[in-house]
Amino acid sequence: RRGAFEADRSRYITAVRKQAEQFGIPWAAWEYSNAQ
């Protein structure tokens, strides 16, 4: 009913995380434990 397929999620997270790290930008992923 909701959400992205695993492969698509992983590609997006990887792309955004690498873009931040390219400029030395620290990051915090959302989130540790929830049911959403």
PDB file of all heavy atoms in Angstrom:
ATOM      1  N   ARG A   1       0.808  -1.225   0.000  1.00  0.00           N
ATOM      2  CA  ARG A   1       0.000   0.000   0.000  1.00  0.00           C
ATOM      3  C   ARG A   1       0.837   1.269   0.000  1.00  0.00           C
ATOM      4  O   ARG A   1       0.374   2.324  -0.431  1.00  0.00           O
ATOM      5  CB  ARG A   1      -0.933   0.019   1.214  1.00  0.00           C
ATOM      6  CG  ARG A   1      -2.062  -0.977   1.148  1.00  0.00           C
ATOM      7  CD  ARG A   1      -2.956  -0.914   2.375  1.00  0.00           C
ATOM      8  NE  ARG A   1      -3.958  -1.965   2.331  1.00  0.00           N
ATOM      9  CZ  ARG A   1      -5.147  -1.856   1.743  1.00  0.00           C
ATOM     10  NH1 ARG A   1      -5.475  -0.712   1.152  1.00  0.00           N
ATOM     11  NH2 ARG A   1      -5.996  -2.858   1.745  1.00  0.00           N
ATOM     12  N   ARG A   2       2.022   1.217   0.514  1.00  0.00           N
ATOM     13  CA  ARG A   2       2.810   2.434   0.639  1.00  0.00           C
ATOM     14  C   ARG A   2       4.278   2.121   0.387  1.00  0.00           C
ATOM     15  O   ARG A   2       4.732   0.986   0.513  1.00  0.00           O
ATOM     16  CB  ARG A   2       2.670   3.024   2.041  1.00  0.00           C
ATOM     17  CG  ARG A   2       3.338   2.182   3.102  1.00  0.00           C
ATOM     18  CD  ARG A   2       3.186   2.767   4.488  1.00  0.00           C
ATOM     19  NE  ARG A   2       3.962   1.973   5.463  1.00  0.00           N
ATOM     20  CZ  ARG A   2       3.814   2.045   6.773  1.00  0.00           C
ATOM     21  NH1 ARG A   2       2.922   2.874   7.284  1.00  0.00           N
ATOM     22  NH2 ARG A   2       4.553   1.299   7.575  1.00  0.00           N
ATOM     23  N   GLY A   3       5.037   3.149   0.043  1.00  0.00           N
ATOM     24  CA  GLY A   3       6.479   3.053   0.031  1.00  0.00           C
ATOM     25  C   GLY A   3       7.111   2.708  -1.304  1.00  0.00           C
ATOM     26  O   GLY A   3       6.452   2.472  -2.312  1.00  0.00           O
ATOM     27  N   ALA A   4       8.442   2.690  -1.263  1.00  0.00           N
ATOM     28  CA  ALA A   4       9.264   2.393  -2.437  1.00  0.00           C
ATOM     29  C   ALA A   4       9.829   0.991  -2.324  1.00  0.00           C
ATOM     30  O   ALA A   4      10.041   0.465  -1.223  1.00  0.00           O
ATOM     31  CB  ALA A   4      10.405   3.405  -2.533  1.00  0.00           C
ATOM     32  N   PHE A   5      10.096   0.390  -3.467  1.00  0.00           N
ATOM     33  CA  PHE A   5      10.780  -0.897  -3.464  1.00  0.00           C
ATOM     34  C   PHE A   5      12.178  -0.724  -2.879  1.00  0.00           C
ATOM     35  O   PHE A   5      12.793   0.356  -2.960  1.00  0.00           O
ATOM     36  CB  PHE A   5      10.865  -1.469  -4.874  1.00  0.00           C
ATOM     37  CG  PHE A   5       9.566  -2.005  -5.395  1.00  0.00           C
ATOM     38  CD1 PHE A   5       8.844  -1.322  -6.364  1.00  0.00           C
ATOM     39  CD2 PHE A   5       9.054  -3.207  -4.912  1.00  0.00           C
ATOM     40  CE1 PHE A   5       7.641  -1.817  -6.846  1.00  0.00           C
ATOM     41  CE2 PHE A   5       7.850  -3.716  -5.382  1.00  0.00           C
ATOM     42  CZ  PHE A   5       7.138  -3.014  -6.348  1.00  0.00           C
ATOM     43  N   GLU A   6      12.690  -1.821  -2.314  1.00  0.00           N
ATOM     44  CA  GLU A   6      13.985  -1.777  -1.641  1.00  0.00           C
ATOM     45  C   GLU A   6      15.089  -1.237  -2.551  1.00  0.00           C
ATOM     46  O   GLU A   6      15.888  -0.385  -2.138  1.00  0.00           O
ATOM     47  CB  GLU A   6      14.357  -3.171  -1.136  1.00  0.00           C
ATOM     48  CG  GLU A   6      15.798  -3.325  -0.673  1.00  0.00           C
ATOM     49  CD  GLU A   6      16.202  -2.285   0.349  1.00  0.00           C
ATOM     50  OE1 GLU A   6      15.428  -2.031   1.283  1.00  0.00           O
ATOM     51  OE2 GLU A   6      17.296  -1.713   0.189  1.00  0.00           O
ATOM     52  N   ALA A   7      15.164  -1.704  -3.769  1.00  0.00           N
ATOM     53  CA  ALA A   7      16.249  -1.281  -4.666  1.00  0.00           C
ATOM     54  C   ALA A   7      16.194   0.223  -4.917  1.00  0.00           C
ATOM     55  O   ALA A   7      17.238   0.904  -4.950  1.00  0.00           O
ATOM     56  CB  ALA A   7      16.168  -2.051  -5.983  1.00  0.00           C
ATOM     57  N   ASP A   8      14.984   0.748  -5.090  1.00  0.00           N
ATOM     58  CA  ASP A   8      14.847   2.184  -5.338  1.00  0.00           C
ATOM     59  C   ASP A   8      15.188   2.986  -4.091  1.00  0.00           C
ATOM     60  O   ASP A   8      15.865   4.021  -4.177  1.00  0.00           O
ATOM     61  CB  ASP A   8      13.419   2.492  -5.783  1.00  0.00           C
ATOM     62  CG  ASP A   8      13.072   1.839  -7.107  1.00  0.00           C
ATOM     63  OD1 ASP A   8      13.807   2.059  -8.082  1.00  0.00           O
ATOM     64  OD2 ASP A   8      12.077   1.092  -7.155  1.00  0.00           O
ATOM     65  N   ARG A   9      14.723   2.526  -2.928  1.00  0.00           N
ATOM     66  CA  ARG A   9      15.083   3.201  -1.685  1.00  0.00           C
ATOM     67  C   ARG A   9      16.590   3.249  -1.512  1.00  0.00           C
ATOM     68  O   ARG A   9      17.171   4.301  -1.188  1.00  0.00           O
ATOM     69  CB  ARG A   9      14.454   2.506  -0.478  1.00  0.00           C
ATOM     70  CG  ARG A   9      14.835   3.163   0.848  1.00  0.00           C
ATOM     71  CD  ARG A   9      14.415   2.367   2.069  1.00  0.00           C
ATOM     72  NE  ARG A   9      15.155   1.138   2.238  1.00  0.00           N
ATOM     73  CZ  ARG A   9      15.293   0.484   3.387  1.00  0.00           C
ATOM     74  NH1 ARG A   9      14.722   0.957   4.479  1.00  0.00           N
ATOM     75  NH2 ARG A   9      15.965  -0.643   3.457  1.00  0.00           N
ATOM     76  N   SER A  10      17.254   2.142  -1.723  1.00  0.00           N
ATOM     77  CA  SER A  10      18.703   2.079  -1.520  1.00  0.00           C
ATOM     78  C   SER A  10      19.438   3.004  -2.482  1.00  0.00           C
ATOM     79  O   SER A  10      20.422   3.660  -2.103  1.00  0.00           O
ATOM     80  CB  SER A  10      19.202   0.642  -1.680  1.00  0.00           C
ATOM     81  OG  SER A  10      18.807  -0.150  -0.576  1.00  0.00           O
ATOM     82  N   ARG A  11      18.983   3.073  -3.720  1.00  0.00           N
ATOM     83  CA  ARG A  11      19.642   3.964  -4.676  1.00  0.00           C
ATOM     84  C   ARG A  11      19.504   5.424  -4.258  1.00  0.00           C
ATOM     85  O   ARG A  11      20.456   6.198  -4.359  1.00  0.00           O
ATOM     86  CB  ARG A  11      19.066   3.748  -6.081  1.00  0.00           C
ATOM     87  CG  ARG A  11      19.602   2.518  -6.794  1.00  0.00           C
ATOM     88  CD  ARG A  11      19.257   2.530  -8.269  1.00  0.00           C
ATOM     89  NE  ARG A  11      17.832   2.301  -8.493  1.00  0.00           N
ATOM     90  CZ  ARG A  11      17.285   1.110  -8.727  1.00  0.00           C
ATOM     91  NH1 ARG A  11      18.053   0.026  -8.765  1.00  0.00           N
ATOM     92  NH2 ARG A  11      15.983   0.986  -8.941  1.00  0.00           N
ATOM     93  N   TYR A  12      18.312   5.788  -3.784  1.00  0.00           N
ATOM     94  CA  TYR A  12      18.103   7.172  -3.360  1.00  0.00           C
ATOM     95  C   TYR A  12      18.956   7.496  -2.127  1.00  0.00           C
ATOM     96  O   TYR A  12      19.652   8.522  -2.099  1.00  0.00           O
ATOM     97  CB  TYR A  12      16.627   7.414  -3.048  1.00  0.00           C
ATOM     98  CG  TYR A  12      16.340   8.807  -2.538  1.00  0.00           C
ATOM     99  CD1 TYR A  12      16.018   9.832  -3.408  1.00  0.00           C
ATOM    100  CD2 TYR A  12      16.407   9.098  -1.160  1.00  0.00           C
ATOM    101  CE1 TYR A  12      15.758  11.122  -2.940  1.00  0.00           C
ATOM    102  CE2 TYR A  12      16.154  10.378  -0.690  1.00  0.00           C
ATOM    103  CZ  TYR A  12      15.835  11.377  -1.578  1.00  0.00           C
ATOM    104  OH  TYR A  12      15.596  12.648  -1.106  1.00  0.00           O
ATOM    105  N   ILE A  13      18.896   6.649  -1.103  1.00  0.00           N
ATOM    106  CA  ILE A  13      19.655   6.895   0.127  1.00  0.00           C
ATOM    107  C   ILE A  13      21.149   6.998  -0.183  1.00  0.00           C
ATOM    108  O   ILE A  13      21.846   7.887   0.325  1.00  0.00           O
ATOM    109  CB  ILE A  13      19.404   5.775   1.159  1.00  0.00           C
ATOM    110  CG1 ILE A  13      17.948   5.788   1.642  1.00  0.00           C
ATOM    111  CG2 ILE A  13      20.358   5.899   2.345  1.00  0.00           C
ATOM    112  CD1 ILE A  13      17.563   6.961   2.480  1.00  0.00           C
ATOM    113  N   THR A  14      21.633   6.110  -1.015  1.00  0.00           N
ATOM    114  CA  THR A  14      23.056   6.132  -1.387  1.00  0.00           C
ATOM    115  C   THR A  14      23.411   7.434  -2.087  1.00  0.00           C
ATOM    116  O   THR A  14      24.435   8.064  -1.790  1.00  0.00           O
ATOM    117  CB  THR A  14      23.397   4.934  -2.286  1.00  0.00           C
ATOM    118  OG1 THR A  14      23.129   3.718  -1.582  1.00  0.00           O
ATOM    119  CG2 THR A  14      24.860   4.961  -2.702  1.00  0.00           C
ATOM    120  N   ALA A  15      22.567   7.853  -3.023  1.00  0.00           N
ATOM    121  CA  ALA A  15      22.853   9.071  -3.786  1.00  0.00           C
ATOM    122  C   ALA A  15      22.891  10.300  -2.886  1.00  0.00           C
ATOM    123  O   ALA A  15      23.807  11.132  -2.984  1.00  0.00           O
ATOM    124  CB  ALA A  15      21.805   9.246  -4.886  1.00  0.00           C
ATOM    125  N   VAL A  16      21.919  10.433  -2.001  1.00  0.00           N
ATOM    126  CA  VAL A  16      21.858  11.605  -1.131  1.00  0.00           C
ATOM    127  C   VAL A  16      22.996  11.574  -0.121  1.00  0.00           C
ATOM    128  O   VAL A  16      23.658  12.604   0.127  1.00  0.00           O
ATOM    129  CB  VAL A  16      20.486  11.664  -0.430  1.00  0.00           C
ATOM    130  CG1 VAL A  16      20.479  12.729   0.659  1.00  0.00           C
ATOM    131  CG2 VAL A  16      19.381  11.941  -1.441  1.00  0.00           C
ATOM    132  N   ARG A  17      23.247  10.413   0.446  1.00  0.00           N
ATOM    133  CA  ARG A  17      24.325  10.312   1.436  1.00  0.00           C
ATOM    134  C   ARG A  17      25.675  10.643   0.805  1.00  0.00           C
ATOM    135  O   ARG A  17      26.476  11.413   1.359  1.00  0.00           O
ATOM    136  CB  ARG A  17      24.329   8.901   2.021  1.00  0.00           C
ATOM    137  CG  ARG A  17      25.288   8.677   3.183  1.00  0.00           C
ATOM    138  CD  ARG A  17      26.575   7.973   2.768  1.00  0.00           C
ATOM    139  NE  ARG A  17      26.329   6.718   2.094  1.00  0.00           N
ATOM    140  CZ  ARG A  17      27.281   6.002   1.494  1.00  0.00           C
ATOM    141  NH1 ARG A  17      28.540   6.444   1.469  1.00  0.00           N
ATOM    142  NH2 ARG A  17      27.001   4.865   0.873  1.00  0.00           N
ATOM    143  N   LYS A  18      25.947  10.121  -0.379  1.00  0.00           N
ATOM    144  CA  LYS A  18      27.231  10.406  -1.043  1.00  0.00           C
ATOM    145  C   LYS A  18      27.351  11.873  -1.426  1.00  0.00           C
ATOM    146  O   LYS A  18      28.443  12.451  -1.372  1.00  0.00           O
ATOM    147  CB  LYS A  18      27.391   9.518  -2.273  1.00  0.00           C
ATOM    148  CG  LYS A  18      27.718   8.063  -1.948  1.00  0.00           C
ATOM    149  CD  LYS A  18      28.016   7.265  -3.210  1.00  0.00           C
ATOM    150  CE  LYS A  18      28.489   5.860  -2.873  1.00  0.00           C
ATOM    151  NZ  LYS A  18      28.798   5.073  -4.102  1.00  0.00           N
ATOM    152  N   GLN A  19      26.243  12.471  -1.821  1.00  0.00           N
ATOM    153  CA  GLN A  19      26.287  13.884  -2.179  1.00  0.00           C
ATOM    154  C   GLN A  19      26.654  14.726  -0.970  1.00  0.00           C
ATOM    155  O   GLN A  19      27.450  15.668  -1.066  1.00  0.00           O
ATOM    156  CB  GLN A  19      24.925  14.311  -2.740  1.00  0.00           C
ATOM    157  CG  GLN A  19      24.942  15.621  -3.481  1.00  0.00           C
ATOM    158  CD  GLN A  19      25.765  15.577  -4.760  1.00  0.00           C
ATOM    159  OE1 GLN A  19      25.943  14.524  -5.362  1.00  0.00           O
ATOM    160  NE2 GLN A  19      26.289  16.710  -5.161  1.00  0.00           N
ATOM    161  N   ALA A  20      26.092  14.400   0.189  1.00  0.00           N
ATOM    162  CA  ALA A  20      26.453  15.119   1.408  1.00  0.00           C
ATOM    163  C   ALA A  20      27.925  14.903   1.750  1.00  0.00           C
ATOM    164  O   ALA A  20      28.657  15.865   2.053  1.00  0.00           O
ATOM    165  CB  ALA A  20      25.560  14.663   2.562  1.00  0.00           C
ATOM    166  N   GLU A  21      28.363  13.668   1.690  1.00  0.00           N
ATOM    167  CA  GLU A  21      29.743  13.360   2.071  1.00  0.00           C
ATOM    168  C   GLU A  21      30.757  13.983   1.119  1.00  0.00           C
ATOM    169  O   GLU A  21      31.886  14.277   1.512  1.00  0.00           O
ATOM    170  CB  GLU A  21      29.920  11.846   2.151  1.00  0.00           C
ATOM    171  CG  GLU A  21      29.151  11.222   3.310  1.00  0.00           C
ATOM    172  CD  GLU A  21      29.244   9.709   3.360  1.00  0.00           C
ATOM    173  OE1 GLU A  21      29.713   9.095   2.368  1.00  0.00           O
ATOM    174  OE2 GLU A  21      28.842   9.136   4.384  1.00  0.00           O
ATOM    175  N   GLN A  22      30.355  14.205  -0.119  1.00  0.00           N
ATOM    176  CA  GLN A  22      31.254  14.853  -1.077  1.00  0.00           C
ATOM    177  C   GLN A  22      31.675  16.236  -0.592  1.00  0.00           C
ATOM    178  O   GLN A  22      32.792  16.687  -0.869  1.00  0.00           O
ATOM    179  CB  GLN A  22      30.554  14.968  -2.434  1.00  0.00           C
ATOM    180  CG  GLN A  22      31.363  15.698  -3.499  1.00  0.00           C
ATOM    181  CD  GLN A  22      30.603  15.826  -4.812  1.00  0.00           C
ATOM    182  OE1 GLN A  22      29.740  15.016  -5.125  1.00  0.00           O
ATOM    183  NE2 GLN A  22      30.932  16.850  -5.587  1.00  0.00           N
ATOM    184  N   PHE A  23      30.792  16.897   0.145  1.00  0.00           N
ATOM    185  CA  PHE A  23      31.091  18.234   0.654  1.00  0.00           C
ATOM    186  C   PHE A  23      31.423  18.227   2.143  1.00  0.00           C
ATOM    187  O   PHE A  23      31.482  19.285   2.773  1.00  0.00           O
ATOM    188  CB  PHE A  23      29.894  19.152   0.400  1.00  0.00           C
ATOM    189  CG  PHE A  23      29.594  19.378  -1.050  1.00  0.00           C
ATOM    190  CD1 PHE A  23      28.572  18.683  -1.676  1.00  0.00           C
ATOM    191  CD2 PHE A  23      30.364  20.252  -1.802  1.00  0.00           C
ATOM    192  CE1 PHE A  23      28.296  18.878  -3.022  1.00  0.00           C
ATOM    193  CE2 PHE A  23      30.103  20.452  -3.153  1.00  0.00           C
ATOM    194  CZ  PHE A  23      29.067  19.763  -3.760  1.00  0.00           C
ATOM    195  N   GLY A  24      31.616  17.042   2.712  1.00  0.00           N
ATOM    196  CA  GLY A  24      31.947  16.943   4.129  1.00  0.00           C
ATOM    197  C   GLY A  24      30.798  17.299   5.044  1.00  0.00           C
ATOM    198  O   GLY A  24      31.008  17.696   6.195  1.00  0.00           O
ATOM    199  N   ILE A  25      29.564  17.155   4.555  1.00  0.00           N
ATOM    200  CA  ILE A  25      28.386  17.526   5.335  1.00  0.00           C
ATOM    201  C   ILE A  25      27.971  16.366   6.232  1.00  0.00           C
ATOM    202  O   ILE A  25      27.665  15.276   5.733  1.00  0.00           O
ATOM    203  CB  ILE A  25      27.215  17.904   4.406  1.00  0.00           C
ATOM    204  CG1 ILE A  25      27.595  19.082   3.507  1.00  0.00           C
ATOM    205  CG2 ILE A  25      25.957  18.218   5.219  1.00  0.00           C
ATOM    206  CD1 ILE A  25      26.565  19.387   2.432  1.00  0.00           C
ATOM    207  N   PRO A  26      27.947  16.545   7.546  1.00  0.00           N
ATOM    208  CA  PRO A  26      27.459  15.468   8.425  1.00  0.00           C
ATOM    209  C   PRO A  26      25.963  15.258   8.215  1.00  0.00           C
ATOM    210  O   PRO A  26      25.240  16.172   7.805  1.00  0.00           O
ATOM    211  CB  PRO A  26      27.759  15.989   9.831  1.00  0.00           C
ATOM    212  CG  PRO A  26      27.867  17.463   9.690  1.00  0.00           C
ATOM    213  CD  PRO A  26      28.366  17.734   8.303  1.00  0.00           C
ATOM    214  N   TRP A  27      25.505  14.036   8.496  1.00  0.00           N
ATOM    215  CA  TRP A  27      24.097  13.712   8.245  1.00  0.00           C
ATOM    216  C   TRP A  27      23.522  12.865   9.366  1.00  0.00           C
ATOM    217  O   TRP A  27      24.247  12.179  10.091  1.00  0.00           O
ATOM    218  CB  TRP A  27      23.935  12.985   6.908  1.00  0.00           C
ATOM    219  CG  TRP A  27      24.854  11.801   6.671  1.00  0.00           C
ATOM    220  CD1 TRP A  27      25.988  11.780   5.909  1.00  0.00           C
ATOM    221  CD2 TRP A  27      24.706  10.462   7.200  1.00  0.00           C
ATOM    222  NE1 TRP A  27      26.559  10.518   5.921  1.00  0.00           N
ATOM    223  CE2 TRP A  27      25.792   9.691   6.697  1.00  0.00           C
ATOM    224  CE3 TRP A  27      23.768   9.846   8.030  1.00  0.00           C
ATOM    225  CZ2 TRP A  27      25.954   8.327   7.007  1.00  0.00           C
ATOM    226  CZ3 TRP A  27      23.931   8.497   8.348  1.00  0.00           C
ATOM    227  CH2 TRP A  27      25.010   7.759   7.833  1.00  0.00           C
ATOM    228  N   ALA A  28      22.199  12.937   9.470  1.00  0.00           N
ATOM    229  CA  ALA A  28      21.452  12.080  10.401  1.00  0.00           C
ATOM    230  C   ALA A  28      20.294  11.457   9.632  1.00  0.00           C
ATOM    231  O   ALA A  28      19.440  12.167   9.094  1.00  0.00           O
ATOM    232  CB  ALA A  28      20.932  12.877  11.584  1.00  0.00           C
ATOM    233  N   ALA A  29      20.295  10.136   9.542  1.00  0.00           N
ATOM    234  CA  ALA A  29      19.218   9.428   8.839  1.00  0.00           C
ATOM    235  C   ALA A  29      17.984   9.381   9.723  1.00  0.00           C
ATOM    236  O   ALA A  29      18.061   9.330  10.949  1.00  0.00           O
ATOM    237  CB  ALA A  29      19.673   8.018   8.478  1.00  0.00           C
ATOM    238  N   TRP A  30      16.835   9.371   9.085  1.00  0.00           N
ATOM    239  CA  TRP A  30      15.563   9.254   9.799  1.00  0.00           C
ATOM    240  C   TRP A  30      15.035   7.854   9.587  1.00  0.00           C
ATOM    241  O   TRP A  30      14.836   7.444   8.443  1.00  0.00           O
ATOM    242  CB  TRP A  30      14.564  10.278   9.259  1.00  0.00           C
ATOM    243  CG  TRP A  30      13.321  10.359  10.090  1.00  0.00           C
ATOM    244  CD1 TRP A  30      12.149   9.698   9.877  1.00  0.00           C
ATOM    245  CD2 TRP A  30      13.124  11.132  11.273  1.00  0.00           C
ATOM    246  NE1 TRP A  30      11.231  10.006  10.844  1.00  0.00           N
ATOM    247  CE2 TRP A  30      11.811  10.888  11.718  1.00  0.00           C
ATOM    248  CE3 TRP A  30      13.938  11.986  12.006  1.00  0.00           C
ATOM    249  CZ2 TRP A  30      11.294  11.492  12.866  1.00  0.00           C
ATOM    250  CZ3 TRP A  30      13.418  12.580  13.130  1.00  0.00           C
ATOM    251  CH2 TRP A  30      12.111  12.337  13.553  1.00  0.00           C
ATOM    252  N   GLU A  31      14.876   7.005  10.554  1.00  0.00           N
ATOM    253  CA  GLU A  31      14.961   7.177  11.991  1.00  0.00           C
ATOM    254  C   GLU A  31      15.247   5.801  12.547  1.00  0.00           C
ATOM    255  O   GLU A  31      15.225   4.831  11.823  1.00  0.00           O
ATOM    256  CB  GLU A  31      13.623   7.769  12.481  1.00  0.00           C
ATOM    257  CG  GLU A  31      13.579   8.188  13.935  1.00  0.00           C
ATOM    258  CD  GLU A  31      12.675   7.270  14.754  1.00  0.00           C
ATOM    259  OE1 GLU A  31      11.839   6.549  14.226  1.00  0.00           O
ATOM    260  OE2 GLU A  31      12.856   7.277  15.976  1.00  0.00           O
ATOM    261  N   TYR A  32      15.506   5.647  13.830  1.00  0.00           N
ATOM    262  CA  TYR A  32      15.999   4.375  14.354  1.00  0.00           C
ATOM    263  C   TYR A  32      14.946   3.285  14.412  1.00  0.00           C
ATOM    264  O   TYR A  32      15.134   2.200  13.842  1.00  0.00           O
ATOM    265  CB  TYR A  32      16.612   4.571  15.743  1.00  0.00           C
ATOM    266  CG  TYR A  32      17.246   3.301  16.271  1.00  0.00           C
ATOM    267  CD1 TYR A  32      18.336   2.734  15.615  1.00  0.00           C
ATOM    268  CD2 TYR A  32      16.751   2.663  17.405  1.00  0.00           C
ATOM    269  CE1 TYR A  32      18.919   1.552  16.073  1.00  0.00           C
ATOM    270  CE2 TYR A  32      17.334   1.493  17.870  1.00  0.00           C
ATOM    271  CZ  TYR A  32      18.408   0.938  17.202  1.00  0.00           C
ATOM    272  OH  TYR A  32      18.971  -0.224  17.647  1.00  0.00           O
ATOM    273  N   SER A  33      13.843   3.531  15.111  1.00  0.00           N
ATOM    274  CA  SER A  33      12.847   2.464  15.272  1.00  0.00           C
ATOM    275  C   SER A  33      11.448   3.057  15.340  1.00  0.00           C
ATOM    276  O   SER A  33      11.133   3.816  16.256  1.00  0.00           O
ATOM    277  CB  SER A  33      13.129   1.656  16.548  1.00  0.00           C
ATOM    278  OG  SER A  33      12.174   0.620  16.711  1.00  0.00           O
ATOM    279  N   ASN A  34      10.624   2.725  14.349  1.00  0.00           N
ATOM    280  CA  ASN A  34       9.225   3.138  14.350  1.00  0.00           C
ATOM    281  C   ASN A  34       8.435   2.181  13.476  1.00  0.00           C
ATOM    282  O   ASN A  34       9.007   1.283  12.842  1.00  0.00           O
ATOM    283  CB  ASN A  34       9.073   4.593  13.876  1.00  0.00           C
ATOM    284  CG  ASN A  34       9.510   4.778  12.442  1.00  0.00           C
ATOM    285  OD1 ASN A  34       8.966   4.174  11.519  1.00  0.00           O
ATOM    286  ND2 ASN A  34      10.496   5.635  12.224  1.00  0.00           N
ATOM    287  N   ALA A  35       7.145   2.360  13.421  1.00  0.00           N
ATOM    288  CA  ALA A  35       6.285   1.463  12.644  1.00  0.00           C
ATOM    289  C   ALA A  35       5.773   2.114  11.369  1.00  0.00           C
ATOM    290  O   ALA A  35       4.865   1.600  10.733  1.00  0.00           O
ATOM    291  CB  ALA A  35       5.095   1.034  13.505  1.00  0.00           C
ATOM    292  N   GLN A  36       6.372   3.245  10.978  1.00  0.00           N
ATOM    293  CA  GLN A  36       5.871   3.997   9.832  1.00  0.00           C
ATOM    294  C   GLN A  36       6.623   3.749   8.525  1.00  0.00           C
ATOM    295  O   GLN A  36       6.330   4.372   7.518  1.00  0.00           O
ATOM    296  CB  GLN A  36       5.886   5.493  10.136  1.00  0.00           C
ATOM    297  CG  GLN A  36       4.784   5.952  11.090  1.00  0.00           C
ATOM    298  CD  GLN A  36       5.048   5.560  12.529  1.00  0.00           C
ATOM    299  OE1 GLN A  36       6.097   5.874  13.071  1.00  0.00           O
ATOM    300  NE2 GLN A  36       4.109   4.877  13.141  1.00  0.00           N
TER     301      GLN A  36
END
